[in-house]
Amino acid sequence: MNRRDFLIRVGCASAAALAAGGLGLALYDSKGPAPAEVQKTLTGLGDYTPRGLASGPGKMAIIRGADRAAMFRQGIKALGGMESFIQKGDRVLIKVNAAFATPASLGATTHPEVLAAVADLCFKAGAAQVLVTDNPINNPDSCFEISGLANAARSTGARIIPPRASLFAPVSLPGGKLLQNWPVMAGVFPGVTKVIVVSPVKDHQRAGASMTLKNLYGFLGGRRNVFHQDINGIVTELALLLKPTLCVLDGTVSMMTNGPTGGSLSDLKDTGTMVVSTDPVAADAVGVELLGRTLADVPYILMAEKAGVGIADYHRLNPVVLDTKA
């Protein structure tokens, strides 16, 4: 099956599912993607590394506090300001974690205050457009609305891009064992010039933790639960698929247990920390400490480092450490 036939098949499946009244069913193929007969698949989602950081260590700020918006503003200022990452005319894609239809207070999704702060500064730096996306587990409309992310986007002028069948295209990662002819939400990237990944810090029963790198799982389509058998492998391959401009890891409140869904305030702990970094591996290494764990507890972080994605010893980045309460 070539790429055109693949997209036609997905489109037909989508139409049938929508007729049955289930948007979510349209986005998941219970049989998984069919193998491609011709090599017309994509090999990645792009390299959006900031100018001047193509080689060498990344940049990082670790901010302590409780006011998410203030923490982000101080963190990005310490790294040279948003203008160091977003320039006039940029079309920015913000990848949030909107997996579940739960309120922000339960910590299972990206907090709307962080999304609003990031989108606002993107526009102030001159971005022509800011897009927000994810492929949630629950109904997308419900997830974006109940989590508060839809309202945060509206309040800043950002645009939510919900998943739809036409956005998915087969991707084969060169050298990859898992990402071969698999549908990925590649249709949100044409025209995008910068990518920012905004994630919460939370426990994950299979992966050990869900933070920046695990957030990329939300780009997958198809019957993606089959990857649970090798969760560390798929997260590592996803990390190779995309090089973001910036990562914002929100550990103001972290989900310590019963992740990734949580469901109770007793699952949460005030950890008072936000990480703003160009290195997703280093950012997640800080998050592991917030959860009271070690890198051995979250194998994909060291696997991603070995694959050349980033640096697990975040101290090597000489992070700027700030306290917004001071």
C-alpha atoms as a PDB file:
ATOM      1  CA  MET A   1       0.000   0.000   0.000  1.00  0.00           C
ATOM      2  CA  ASN A   2       1.458   3.368  -0.990  1.00  0.00           C
ATOM      3  CA  ARG A   3       1.035   6.601   0.929  1.00  0.00           C
ATOM      4  CA  ARG A   4      -1.926   7.769  -1.159  1.00  0.00           C
ATOM      5  CA  ASP A   5      -3.797   4.501  -0.680  1.00  0.00           C
ATOM      6  CA  PHE A   6      -2.926   4.560   3.026  1.00  0.00           C
ATOM      7  CA  LEU A   7      -4.460   8.015   3.488  1.00  0.00           C
ATOM      8  CA  ILE A   8      -7.536   7.031   1.455  1.00  0.00           C
ATOM      9  CA  ARG A   9      -8.012   3.984   3.654  1.00  0.00           C
ATOM     10  CA  VAL A  10      -7.676   6.038   6.835  1.00  0.00           C
ATOM     11  CA  GLY A  11     -10.096   8.615   5.455  1.00  0.00           C
ATOM     12  CA  CYS A  12     -12.691   5.972   4.669  1.00  0.00           C
ATOM     13  CA  ALA A  13     -12.301   4.469   8.124  1.00  0.00           C
ATOM     14  CA  SER A  14     -12.746   7.910   9.617  1.00  0.00           C
ATOM     15  CA  ALA A  15     -15.948   8.585   7.715  1.00  0.00           C
ATOM     16  CA  ALA A  16     -17.434   5.257   8.747  1.00  0.00           C
ATOM     17  CA  ALA A  17     -16.564   5.784  12.378  1.00  0.00           C
ATOM     18  CA  LEU A  18     -17.924   9.308  12.447  1.00  0.00           C
ATOM     19  CA  ALA A  19     -21.164   8.006  10.985  1.00  0.00           C
ATOM     20  CA  ALA A  20     -21.345   5.647  13.914  1.00  0.00           C
ATOM     21  CA  GLY A  21     -20.981   8.608  16.236  1.00  0.00           C
ATOM     22  CA  GLY A  22     -17.446   8.123  17.534  1.00  0.00           C
ATOM     23  CA  LEU A  23     -14.720  10.647  16.725  1.00  0.00           C
ATOM     24  CA  GLY A  24     -12.245   8.731  18.848  1.00  0.00           C
ATOM     25  CA  LEU A  25     -12.846   5.517  16.907  1.00  0.00           C
ATOM     26  CA  ALA A  26     -11.949   7.298  13.689  1.00  0.00           C
ATOM     27  CA  LEU A  27      -8.447   7.899  14.949  1.00  0.00           C
ATOM     28  CA  TYR A  28      -7.569   4.368  15.920  1.00  0.00           C
ATOM     29  CA  ASP A  29      -7.174   1.416  13.582  1.00  0.00           C
ATOM     30  CA  SER A  30      -7.785  -1.775  15.540  1.00  0.00           C
ATOM     31  CA  LYS A  31      -5.591  -3.733  13.118  1.00  0.00           C
ATOM     32  CA  GLY A  32      -2.709  -1.279  13.102  1.00  0.00           C
ATOM     33  CA  PRO A  33      -1.239   0.221   9.932  1.00  0.00           C
ATOM     34  CA  ALA A  34      -0.771  -1.937   6.849  1.00  0.00           C
ATOM     35  CA  PRO A  35       2.807  -2.360   5.548  1.00  0.00           C
ATOM     36  CA  ALA A  36       3.772  -0.007   2.741  1.00  0.00           C
ATOM     37  CA  GLU A  37       4.808  -1.539  -0.557  1.00  0.00           C
ATOM     38  CA  VAL A  38       6.656   1.547  -1.749  1.00  0.00           C
ATOM     39  CA  GLN A  39       9.172   3.639   0.187  1.00  0.00           C
ATOM     40  CA  LYS A  40       7.214   6.886   0.279  1.00  0.00           C
ATOM     41  CA  THR A  41       6.949   7.114   4.033  1.00  0.00           C
ATOM     42  CA  LEU A  42       8.300  10.010   6.082  1.00  0.00           C
ATOM     43  CA  THR A  43      11.519   9.506   8.047  1.00  0.00           C
ATOM     44  CA  GLY A  44      11.069  12.142  10.746  1.00  0.00           C
ATOM     45  CA  LEU A  45       9.100  15.148  11.952  1.00  0.00           C
ATOM     46  CA  GLY A  46      11.892  17.730  11.725  1.00  0.00           C
ATOM     47  CA  ASP A  47      14.782  19.413  13.478  1.00  0.00           C
ATOM     48  CA  TYR A  48      13.668  22.637  15.181  1.00  0.00           C
ATOM     49  CA  THR A  49      16.822  23.172  17.213  1.00  0.00           C
ATOM     50  CA  PRO A  50      17.363  26.862  18.098  1.00  0.00           C
ATOM     51  CA  ARG A  51      19.889  28.840  16.102  1.00  0.00           C
ATOM     52  CA  GLY A  52      23.413  28.441  17.479  1.00  0.00           C
ATOM     53  CA  LEU A  53      22.643  25.220  19.350  1.00  0.00           C
ATOM     54  CA  ALA A  54      22.999  22.703  16.529  1.00  0.00           C
ATOM     55  CA  SER A  55      26.057  21.288  18.293  1.00  0.00           C
ATOM     56  CA  GLY A  56      27.280  21.378  21.857  1.00  0.00           C
ATOM     57  CA  PRO A  57      25.320  21.327  25.126  1.00  0.00           C
ATOM     58  CA  GLY A  58      21.867  22.810  25.426  1.00  0.00           C
ATOM     59  CA  LYS A  59      20.568  25.535  27.701  1.00  0.00           C
ATOM     60  CA  MET A  60      18.583  25.093  30.890  1.00  0.00           C
ATOM     61  CA  ALA A  61      16.890  27.097  33.620  1.00  0.00           C
ATOM     62  CA  ILE A  62      15.475  25.519  36.784  1.00  0.00           C
ATOM     63  CA  ILE A  63      12.941  27.741  38.508  1.00  0.00           C
ATOM     64  CA  ARG A  64      11.532  27.275  41.990  1.00  0.00           C
ATOM     65  CA  GLY A  65       8.169  28.728  42.932  1.00  0.00           C
ATOM     66  CA  ALA A  66       4.408  28.298  42.789  1.00  0.00           C
ATOM     67  CA  ASP A  67       3.237  30.798  40.151  1.00  0.00           C
ATOM     68  CA  ARG A  68       3.522  28.933  36.849  1.00  0.00           C
ATOM     69  CA  ALA A  69       3.320  31.968  34.598  1.00  0.00           C
ATOM     70  CA  ALA A  70       5.919  33.870  36.621  1.00  0.00           C
ATOM     71  CA  MET A  71       8.199  30.839  36.713  1.00  0.00           C
ATOM     72  CA  PHE A  72       8.108  30.462  32.959  1.00  0.00           C
ATOM     73  CA  ARG A  73       8.698  34.169  32.357  1.00  0.00           C
ATOM     74  CA  GLN A  74      11.723  34.173  34.664  1.00  0.00           C
ATOM     75  CA  GLY A  75      13.081  30.971  33.188  1.00  0.00           C
ATOM     76  CA  ILE A  76      12.876  32.074  29.570  1.00  0.00           C
ATOM     77  CA  LYS A  77      14.340  35.459  30.488  1.00  0.00           C
ATOM     78  CA  ALA A  78      17.348  33.701  32.031  1.00  0.00           C
ATOM     79  CA  LEU A  79      17.925  31.902  28.721  1.00  0.00           C
ATOM     80  CA  GLY A  80      17.993  35.137  26.756  1.00  0.00           C
ATOM     81  CA  GLY A  81      14.301  35.831  26.409  1.00  0.00           C
ATOM     82  CA  MET A  82      11.706  34.265  24.130  1.00  0.00           C
ATOM     83  CA  GLU A  83      13.192  36.299  21.263  1.00  0.00           C
ATOM     84  CA  SER A  84      16.199  33.969  21.410  1.00  0.00           C
ATOM     85  CA  PHE A  85      13.933  31.106  20.339  1.00  0.00           C
ATOM     86  CA  ILE A  86      10.991  32.647  18.492  1.00  0.00           C
ATOM     87  CA  GLN A  87      11.466  35.244  15.776  1.00  0.00           C
ATOM     88  CA  LYS A  88       9.067  37.467  13.875  1.00  0.00           C
ATOM     89  CA  GLY A  89       6.943  35.476  11.454  1.00  0.00           C
ATOM     90  CA  ASP A  90       7.552  32.081  13.095  1.00  0.00           C
ATOM     91  CA  ARG A  91       4.757  29.534  13.006  1.00  0.00           C
ATOM     92  CA  VAL A  92       4.944  27.768  16.365  1.00  0.00           C
ATOM     93  CA  LEU A  93       3.562  24.345  17.269  1.00  0.00           C
ATOM     94  CA  ILE A  94       3.063  23.665  20.992  1.00  0.00           C
ATOM     95  CA  LYS A  95       2.770  19.966  21.874  1.00  0.00           C
ATOM     96  CA  VAL A  96       0.784  19.644  25.087  1.00  0.00           C
ATOM     97  CA  ASN A  97      -0.288  16.596  27.068  1.00  0.00           C
ATOM     98  CA  ALA A  98      -4.085  16.613  26.780  1.00  0.00           C
ATOM     99  CA  ALA A  99      -4.507  12.857  27.091  1.00  0.00           C
ATOM    100  CA  PHE A 100      -7.392  12.788  29.561  1.00  0.00           C
ATOM    101  CA  ALA A 101     -10.694  14.606  30.062  1.00  0.00           C
ATOM    102  CA  THR A 102      -9.832  15.734  33.581  1.00  0.00           C
ATOM    103  CA  PRO A 103      -9.505  19.161  35.200  1.00  0.00           C
ATOM    104  CA  ALA A 104      -6.071  20.737  35.516  1.00  0.00           C
ATOM    105  CA  SER A 105      -6.187  20.402  39.307  1.00  0.00           C
ATOM    106  CA  LEU A 106      -5.628  16.632  38.999  1.00  0.00           C
ATOM    107  CA  GLY A 107      -2.265  17.026  37.264  1.00  0.00           C
ATOM    108  CA  ALA A 108      -2.820  14.518  34.438  1.00  0.00           C
ATOM    109  CA  THR A 109      -2.470  17.087  31.655  1.00  0.00           C
ATOM    110  CA  THR A 110      -0.451  20.164  30.752  1.00  0.00           C
ATOM    111  CA  HIS A 111      -1.594  23.014  32.984  1.00  0.00           C
ATOM    112  CA  PRO A 112      -3.466  25.753  31.093  1.00  0.00           C
ATOM    113  CA  GLU A 113      -1.562  28.478  32.948  1.00  0.00           C
ATOM    114  CA  VAL A 114       1.692  27.215  31.437  1.00  0.00           C
ATOM    115  CA  LEU A 115       0.213  26.943  27.951  1.00  0.00           C
ATOM    116  CA  ALA A 116      -1.144  30.493  28.182  1.00  0.00           C
ATOM    117  CA  ALA A 117       2.207  31.861  29.375  1.00  0.00           C
ATOM    118  CA  VAL A 118       4.129  30.117  26.595  1.00  0.00           C
ATOM    119  CA  ALA A 119       1.701  31.089  23.826  1.00  0.00           C
ATOM    120  CA  ASP A 120       1.527  34.692  25.026  1.00  0.00           C
ATOM    121  CA  LEU A 121       5.298  35.155  24.914  1.00  0.00           C
ATOM    122  CA  CYS A 122       5.464  33.477  21.500  1.00  0.00           C
ATOM    123  CA  PHE A 123       3.116  36.110  20.125  1.00  0.00           C
ATOM    124  CA  LYS A 124       4.963  38.909  21.883  1.00  0.00           C
ATOM    125  CA  ALA A 125       8.206  37.674  20.304  1.00  0.00           C
ATOM    126  CA  GLY A 126       6.579  38.064  16.897  1.00  0.00           C
ATOM    127  CA  ALA A 127       5.125  34.643  16.082  1.00  0.00           C
ATOM    128  CA  ALA A 128       2.679  34.840  13.202  1.00  0.00           C
ATOM    129  CA  GLN A 129       0.723  31.837  14.444  1.00  0.00           C
ATOM    130  CA  VAL A 130       0.691  29.517  17.454  1.00  0.00           C
ATOM    131  CA  LEU A 131      -0.820  26.046  17.100  1.00  0.00           C
ATOM    132  CA  VAL A 132      -1.575  23.646  19.963  1.00  0.00           C
ATOM    133  CA  THR A 133      -2.007  19.908  19.449  1.00  0.00           C
ATOM    134  CA  ASP A 134      -2.144  16.416  20.910  1.00  0.00           C
ATOM    135  CA  ASN A 135      -3.821  13.096  20.093  1.00  0.00           C
ATOM    136  CA  PRO A 136      -5.621  12.396  23.389  1.00  0.00           C
ATOM    137  CA  ILE A 137      -6.686   9.025  24.714  1.00  0.00           C
ATOM    138  CA  ASN A 138     -10.186  10.277  25.558  1.00  0.00           C
ATOM    139  CA  ASN A 139     -12.457  12.304  23.256  1.00  0.00           C
ATOM    140  CA  PRO A 140     -10.274  15.179  21.982  1.00  0.00           C
ATOM    141  CA  ASP A 141     -12.891  17.922  22.337  1.00  0.00           C
ATOM    142  CA  SER A 142     -13.641  16.889  25.918  1.00  0.00           C
ATOM    143  CA  CYS A 143      -9.946  16.621  26.785  1.00  0.00           C
ATOM    144  CA  PHE A 144      -9.063  20.096  25.541  1.00  0.00           C
ATOM    145  CA  GLU A 145     -12.132  21.713  27.118  1.00  0.00           C
ATOM    146  CA  ILE A 146     -12.204  20.006  30.526  1.00  0.00           C
ATOM    147  CA  SER A 147      -8.443  20.365  31.028  1.00  0.00           C
ATOM    148  CA  GLY A 148      -8.758  24.108  30.414  1.00  0.00           C
ATOM    149  CA  LEU A 149      -6.307  23.981  27.499  1.00  0.00           C
ATOM    150  CA  ALA A 150      -8.906  25.078  24.936  1.00  0.00           C
ATOM    151  CA  ASN A 151      -9.755  28.190  26.934  1.00  0.00           C
ATOM    152  CA  ALA A 152      -6.063  28.947  27.488  1.00  0.00           C
ATOM    153  CA  ALA A 153      -5.484  28.760  23.747  1.00  0.00           C
ATOM    154  CA  ARG A 154      -8.494  30.963  22.993  1.00  0.00           C
ATOM    155  CA  SER A 155      -7.428  33.564  25.523  1.00  0.00           C
ATOM    156  CA  THR A 156      -4.070  34.057  23.817  1.00  0.00           C
ATOM    157  CA  GLY A 157      -5.116  33.697  20.191  1.00  0.00           C
ATOM    158  CA  ALA A 158      -3.535  30.251  19.767  1.00  0.00           C
ATOM    159  CA  ARG A 159      -5.350  27.649  17.680  1.00  0.00           C
ATOM    160  CA  ILE A 160      -6.103  24.103  18.807  1.00  0.00           C
ATOM    161  CA  ILE A 161      -5.427  21.445  16.143  1.00  0.00           C
ATOM    162  CA  PRO A 162      -7.407  18.340  17.177  1.00  0.00           C
ATOM    163  CA  PRO A 163      -6.475  14.974  15.662  1.00  0.00           C
ATOM    164  CA  ARG A 164      -8.230  13.926  12.482  1.00  0.00           C
ATOM    165  CA  ALA A 165      -7.511  11.124  10.054  1.00  0.00           C
ATOM    166  CA  SER A 166      -6.132  13.379   7.326  1.00  0.00           C
ATOM    167  CA  LEU A 167      -3.310  14.535   9.629  1.00  0.00           C
ATOM    168  CA  PHE A 168      -1.802  11.065   9.989  1.00  0.00           C
ATOM    169  CA  ALA A 169       0.833   9.740   7.600  1.00  0.00           C
ATOM    170  CA  PRO A 170       3.086   6.653   7.743  1.00  0.00           C
ATOM    171  CA  VAL A 171       6.535   7.216   9.215  1.00  0.00           C
ATOM    172  CA  SER A 172       9.569   4.927   9.179  1.00  0.00           C
ATOM    173  CA  LEU A 173      12.449   5.941  11.418  1.00  0.00           C
ATOM    174  CA  PRO A 174      15.771   5.022   9.753  1.00  0.00           C
ATOM    175  CA  GLY A 175      17.242   2.214  11.814  1.00  0.00           C
ATOM    176  CA  GLY A 176      14.141   2.050  13.979  1.00  0.00           C
ATOM    177  CA  LYS A 177      12.705  -1.276  15.100  1.00  0.00           C
ATOM    178  CA  LEU A 178       9.246  -0.068  16.126  1.00  0.00           C
ATOM    179  CA  LEU A 179       8.479   3.000  14.039  1.00  0.00           C
ATOM    180  CA  GLN A 180       8.165   1.356  10.651  1.00  0.00           C
ATOM    181  CA  ASN A 181       5.286   2.426   8.379  1.00  0.00           C
ATOM    182  CA  TRP A 182       3.378   3.622  11.436  1.00  0.00           C
ATOM    183  CA  PRO A 183       0.811   6.458  11.292  1.00  0.00           C
ATOM    184  CA  VAL A 184       2.079   9.587  13.010  1.00  0.00           C
ATOM    185  CA  MET A 185       0.423  12.999  13.293  1.00  0.00           C
ATOM    186  CA  ALA A 186       2.757  14.508  10.696  1.00  0.00           C
ATOM    187  CA  GLY A 187       0.081  16.694   9.109  1.00  0.00           C
ATOM    188  CA  VAL A 188       0.400  19.369  11.796  1.00  0.00           C
ATOM    189  CA  PHE A 189       4.023  20.131  10.836  1.00  0.00           C
ATOM    190  CA  PRO A 190       3.922  21.615   7.301  1.00  0.00           C
ATOM    191  CA  GLY A 191       4.732  25.307   7.616  1.00  0.00           C
ATOM    192  CA  VAL A 192       5.787  25.008  11.266  1.00  0.00           C
ATOM    193  CA  THR A 193       9.136  26.658  12.028  1.00  0.00           C
ATOM    194  CA  LYS A 194       9.415  26.127  15.800  1.00  0.00           C
ATOM    195  CA  VAL A 195       8.188  23.398  18.178  1.00  0.00           C
ATOM    196  CA  ILE A 196       7.743  23.708  21.947  1.00  0.00           C
ATOM    197  CA  VAL A 197       6.909  20.675  24.109  1.00  0.00           C
ATOM    198  CA  VAL A 198       5.005  21.567  27.308  1.00  0.00           C
ATOM    199  CA  SER A 199       4.531  18.714  29.772  1.00  0.00           C
ATOM    200  CA  PRO A 200       3.560  17.930  33.370  1.00  0.00           C
ATOM    201  CA  VAL A 201       5.659  15.766  35.701  1.00  0.00           C
ATOM    202  CA  LYS A 202       3.842  12.584  36.596  1.00  0.00           C
ATOM    203  CA  ASP A 203       4.163   8.948  37.488  1.00  0.00           C
ATOM    204  CA  HIS A 204       3.558   6.349  34.763  1.00  0.00           C
ATOM    205  CA  GLN A 205       2.921   2.738  35.666  1.00  0.00           C
ATOM    206  CA  ARG A 206       4.553   1.319  32.527  1.00  0.00           C
ATOM    207  CA  ALA A 207       7.216   3.889  31.662  1.00  0.00           C
ATOM    208  CA  GLY A 208       8.175   4.898  35.199  1.00  0.00           C
ATOM    209  CA  ALA A 209       7.446   8.547  34.469  1.00  0.00           C
ATOM    210  CA  SER A 210       5.638  10.686  31.912  1.00  0.00           C
ATOM    211  CA  MET A 211       7.363  13.973  31.143  1.00  0.00           C
ATOM    212  CA  THR A 212       8.888  15.586  28.032  1.00  0.00           C
ATOM    213  CA  LEU A 213       9.985  12.521  26.068  1.00  0.00           C
ATOM    214  CA  LYS A 214       6.892  10.471  26.921  1.00  0.00           C
ATOM    215  CA  ASN A 215       4.734  13.425  25.813  1.00  0.00           C
ATOM    216  CA  LEU A 216       5.859  12.727  22.227  1.00  0.00           C
ATOM    217  CA  TYR A 217       3.813   9.505  22.400  1.00  0.00           C
ATOM    218  CA  GLY A 218       0.833  11.749  21.685  1.00  0.00           C
ATOM    219  CA  PHE A 219       1.936  12.118  18.069  1.00  0.00           C
ATOM    220  CA  LEU A 220       1.262   8.423  17.420  1.00  0.00           C
ATOM    221  CA  GLY A 221      -1.848   7.177  15.670  1.00  0.00           C
ATOM    222  CA  GLY A 222      -2.984   3.622  15.065  1.00  0.00           C
ATOM    223  CA  ARG A 223      -3.298   0.971  17.761  1.00  0.00           C
ATOM    224  CA  ARG A 224      -0.462   2.505  19.723  1.00  0.00           C
ATOM    225  CA  ASN A 225      -1.093   0.471  22.868  1.00  0.00           C
ATOM    226  CA  VAL A 226       0.854  -2.356  21.194  1.00  0.00           C
ATOM    227  CA  PHE A 227       3.994  -0.346  21.990  1.00  0.00           C
ATOM    228  CA  HIS A 228       3.380  -0.847  25.709  1.00  0.00           C
ATOM    229  CA  GLN A 229       5.317  -4.082  25.319  1.00  0.00           C
ATOM    230  CA  ASP A 230       8.450  -1.997  24.676  1.00  0.00           C
ATOM    231  CA  ILE A 231       7.587   1.376  26.136  1.00  0.00           C
ATOM    232  CA  ASN A 232      11.212   2.402  26.592  1.00  0.00           C
ATOM    233  CA  GLY A 233      12.048   1.510  23.019  1.00  0.00           C
ATOM    234  CA  ILE A 234       9.166   3.476  21.496  1.00  0.00           C
ATOM    235  CA  VAL A 235       9.842   6.574  23.608  1.00  0.00           C
ATOM    236  CA  THR A 236      13.501   6.480  22.562  1.00  0.00           C
ATOM    237  CA  GLU A 237      12.569   6.217  18.890  1.00  0.00           C
ATOM    238  CA  LEU A 238      10.082   9.074  19.217  1.00  0.00           C
ATOM    239  CA  ALA A 239      12.853  11.185  20.718  1.00  0.00           C
ATOM    240  CA  LEU A 240      14.852  10.607  17.532  1.00  0.00           C
ATOM    241  CA  LEU A 241      11.880  11.547  15.374  1.00  0.00           C
ATOM    242  CA  LEU A 242      11.681  15.168  16.504  1.00  0.00           C
ATOM    243  CA  LYS A 243      14.150  17.771  17.796  1.00  0.00           C
ATOM    244  CA  PRO A 244      12.130  20.522  19.527  1.00  0.00           C
ATOM    245  CA  THR A 245      13.077  24.158  19.884  1.00  0.00           C
ATOM    246  CA  LEU A 246      12.255  24.291  23.577  1.00  0.00           C
ATOM    247  CA  CYS A 247      10.938  22.066  26.365  1.00  0.00           C
ATOM    248  CA  VAL A 248       8.918  23.292  29.334  1.00  0.00           C
ATOM    249  CA  LEU A 249       8.545  20.744  32.133  1.00  0.00           C
ATOM    250  CA  ASP A 250       6.060  21.757  34.809  1.00  0.00           C
ATOM    251  CA  GLY A 251       6.803  20.220  38.188  1.00  0.00           C
ATOM    252  CA  THR A 252       5.037  22.914  40.192  1.00  0.00           C
ATOM    253  CA  VAL A 253       2.804  20.080  41.344  1.00  0.00           C
ATOM    254  CA  SER A 254       3.827  16.536  40.413  1.00  0.00           C
ATOM    255  CA  MET A 255       1.758  13.353  40.204  1.00  0.00           C
ATOM    256  CA  MET A 256       3.675  10.979  42.472  1.00  0.00           C
ATOM    257  CA  THR A 257       1.476   7.867  42.215  1.00  0.00           C
ATOM    258  CA  ASN A 258      -1.263   6.234  40.112  1.00  0.00           C
ATOM    259  CA  GLY A 259      -0.037   7.795  36.884  1.00  0.00           C
ATOM    260  CA  PRO A 260      -0.617   8.617  34.204  1.00  0.00           C
ATOM    261  CA  THR A 261      -4.310   9.173  34.923  1.00  0.00           C
ATOM    262  CA  GLY A 262      -4.253   9.854  38.667  1.00  0.00           C
ATOM    263  CA  GLY A 263      -7.701  10.957  39.726  1.00  0.00           C
ATOM    264  CA  SER A 264      -7.172  12.083  43.290  1.00  0.00           C
ATOM    265  CA  LEU A 265      -5.493  15.077  44.888  1.00  0.00           C
ATOM    266  CA  SER A 266      -3.764  12.585  47.178  1.00  0.00           C
ATOM    267  CA  ASP A 267      -1.713  11.462  44.157  1.00  0.00           C
ATOM    268  CA  LEU A 268      -0.130  14.916  43.925  1.00  0.00           C
ATOM    269  CA  LYS A 269       2.688  16.684  45.720  1.00  0.00           C
ATOM    270  CA  ASP A 270       3.846  20.285  45.660  1.00  0.00           C
ATOM    271  CA  THR A 271       7.325  20.045  44.144  1.00  0.00           C
ATOM    272  CA  GLY A 272       7.606  23.741  43.259  1.00  0.00           C
ATOM    273  CA  THR A 273       9.847  23.420  40.205  1.00  0.00           C
ATOM    274  CA  MET A 274       9.732  24.232  36.497  1.00  0.00           C
ATOM    275  CA  VAL A 275      12.383  23.400  33.915  1.00  0.00           C
ATOM    276  CA  VAL A 276      12.876  25.390  30.720  1.00  0.00           C
ATOM    277  CA  SER A 277      15.448  23.745  28.477  1.00  0.00           C
ATOM    278  CA  THR A 278      16.511  23.020  24.924  1.00  0.00           C
ATOM    279  CA  ASP A 279      17.485  19.484  25.992  1.00  0.00           C
ATOM    280  CA  PRO A 280      14.526  17.115  26.578  1.00  0.00           C
ATOM    281  CA  VAL A 281      16.725  14.419  28.141  1.00  0.00           C
ATOM    282  CA  ALA A 282      18.197  16.835  30.677  1.00  0.00           C
ATOM    283  CA  ALA A 283      14.754  18.249  31.474  1.00  0.00           C
ATOM    284  CA  ASP A 284      13.377  14.790  32.204  1.00  0.00           C
ATOM    285  CA  ALA A 285      16.391  13.988  34.381  1.00  0.00           C
ATOM    286  CA  VAL A 286      15.356  16.874  36.648  1.00  0.00           C
ATOM    287  CA  GLY A 287      11.786  15.571  36.641  1.00  0.00           C
ATOM    288  CA  VAL A 288      12.963  12.152  37.791  1.00  0.00           C
ATOM    289  CA  GLU A 289      14.473  13.779  40.877  1.00  0.00           C
ATOM    290  CA  LEU A 290      11.189  15.578  41.596  1.00  0.00           C
ATOM    291  CA  LEU A 291       9.470  12.191  41.618  1.00  0.00           C
ATOM    292  CA  GLY A 292      12.053  10.894  44.096  1.00  0.00           C
ATOM    293  CA  ARG A 293      13.428   8.358  41.627  1.00  0.00           C
ATOM    294  CA  THR A 294      16.647   7.552  39.833  1.00  0.00           C
ATOM    295  CA  LEU A 295      17.481   7.337  36.143  1.00  0.00           C
ATOM    296  CA  ALA A 296      17.480   3.554  36.506  1.00  0.00           C
ATOM    297  CA  ASP A 297      13.775   3.769  37.304  1.00  0.00           C
ATOM    298  CA  VAL A 298      13.072   5.446  33.937  1.00  0.00           C
ATOM    299  CA  PRO A 299      15.246   3.542  31.421  1.00  0.00           C
ATOM    300  CA  TYR A 300      14.259   5.502  28.315  1.00  0.00           C
ATOM    301  CA  ILE A 301      16.117   8.597  29.566  1.00  0.00           C
ATOM    302  CA  LEU A 302      19.515   6.888  29.460  1.00  0.00           C
ATOM    303  CA  MET A 303      18.512   5.125  26.241  1.00  0.00           C
ATOM    304  CA  ALA A 304      17.715   8.479  24.640  1.00  0.00           C
ATOM    305  CA  GLU A 305      21.055   9.849  25.841  1.00  0.00           C
ATOM    306  CA  LYS A 306      22.872   6.886  24.300  1.00  0.00           C
ATOM    307  CA  ALA A 307      21.005   7.541  21.046  1.00  0.00           C
ATOM    308  CA  GLY A 308      22.378  11.091  21.028  1.00  0.00           C
ATOM    309  CA  VAL A 309      19.186  12.938  21.894  1.00  0.00           C
ATOM    310  CA  GLY A 310      20.540  14.833  24.906  1.00  0.00           C
ATOM    311  CA  ILE A 311      22.454  14.753  28.198  1.00  0.00           C
ATOM    312  CA  ALA A 312      21.121  12.943  31.260  1.00  0.00           C
ATOM    313  CA  ASP A 313      23.604  14.607  33.619  1.00  0.00           C
ATOM    314  CA  TYR A 314      21.844  17.961  33.477  1.00  0.00           C
ATOM    315  CA  HIS A 315      24.502  19.596  35.666  1.00  0.00           C
ATOM    316  CA  ARG A 316      26.750  19.575  32.601  1.00  0.00           C
ATOM    317  CA  LEU A 317      24.474  22.221  31.078  1.00  0.00           C
ATOM    318  CA  ASN A 318      25.352  24.603  33.933  1.00  0.00           C
ATOM    319  CA  PRO A 319      21.681  25.375  34.516  1.00  0.00           C
ATOM    320  CA  VAL A 320      20.582  28.756  35.766  1.00  0.00           C
ATOM    321  CA  VAL A 321      18.731  28.191  39.055  1.00  0.00           C
ATOM    322  CA  LEU A 322      16.152  30.782  40.071  1.00  0.00           C
ATOM    323  CA  ASP A 323      13.702  31.257  42.913  1.00  0.00           C
ATOM    324  CA  THR A 324      10.641  33.330  42.078  1.00  0.00           C
ATOM    325  CA  LYS A 325       9.721  33.489  45.761  1.00  0.00           C
ATOM    326  CA  ALA A 326      12.960  35.236  46.686  1.00  0.00           C
END
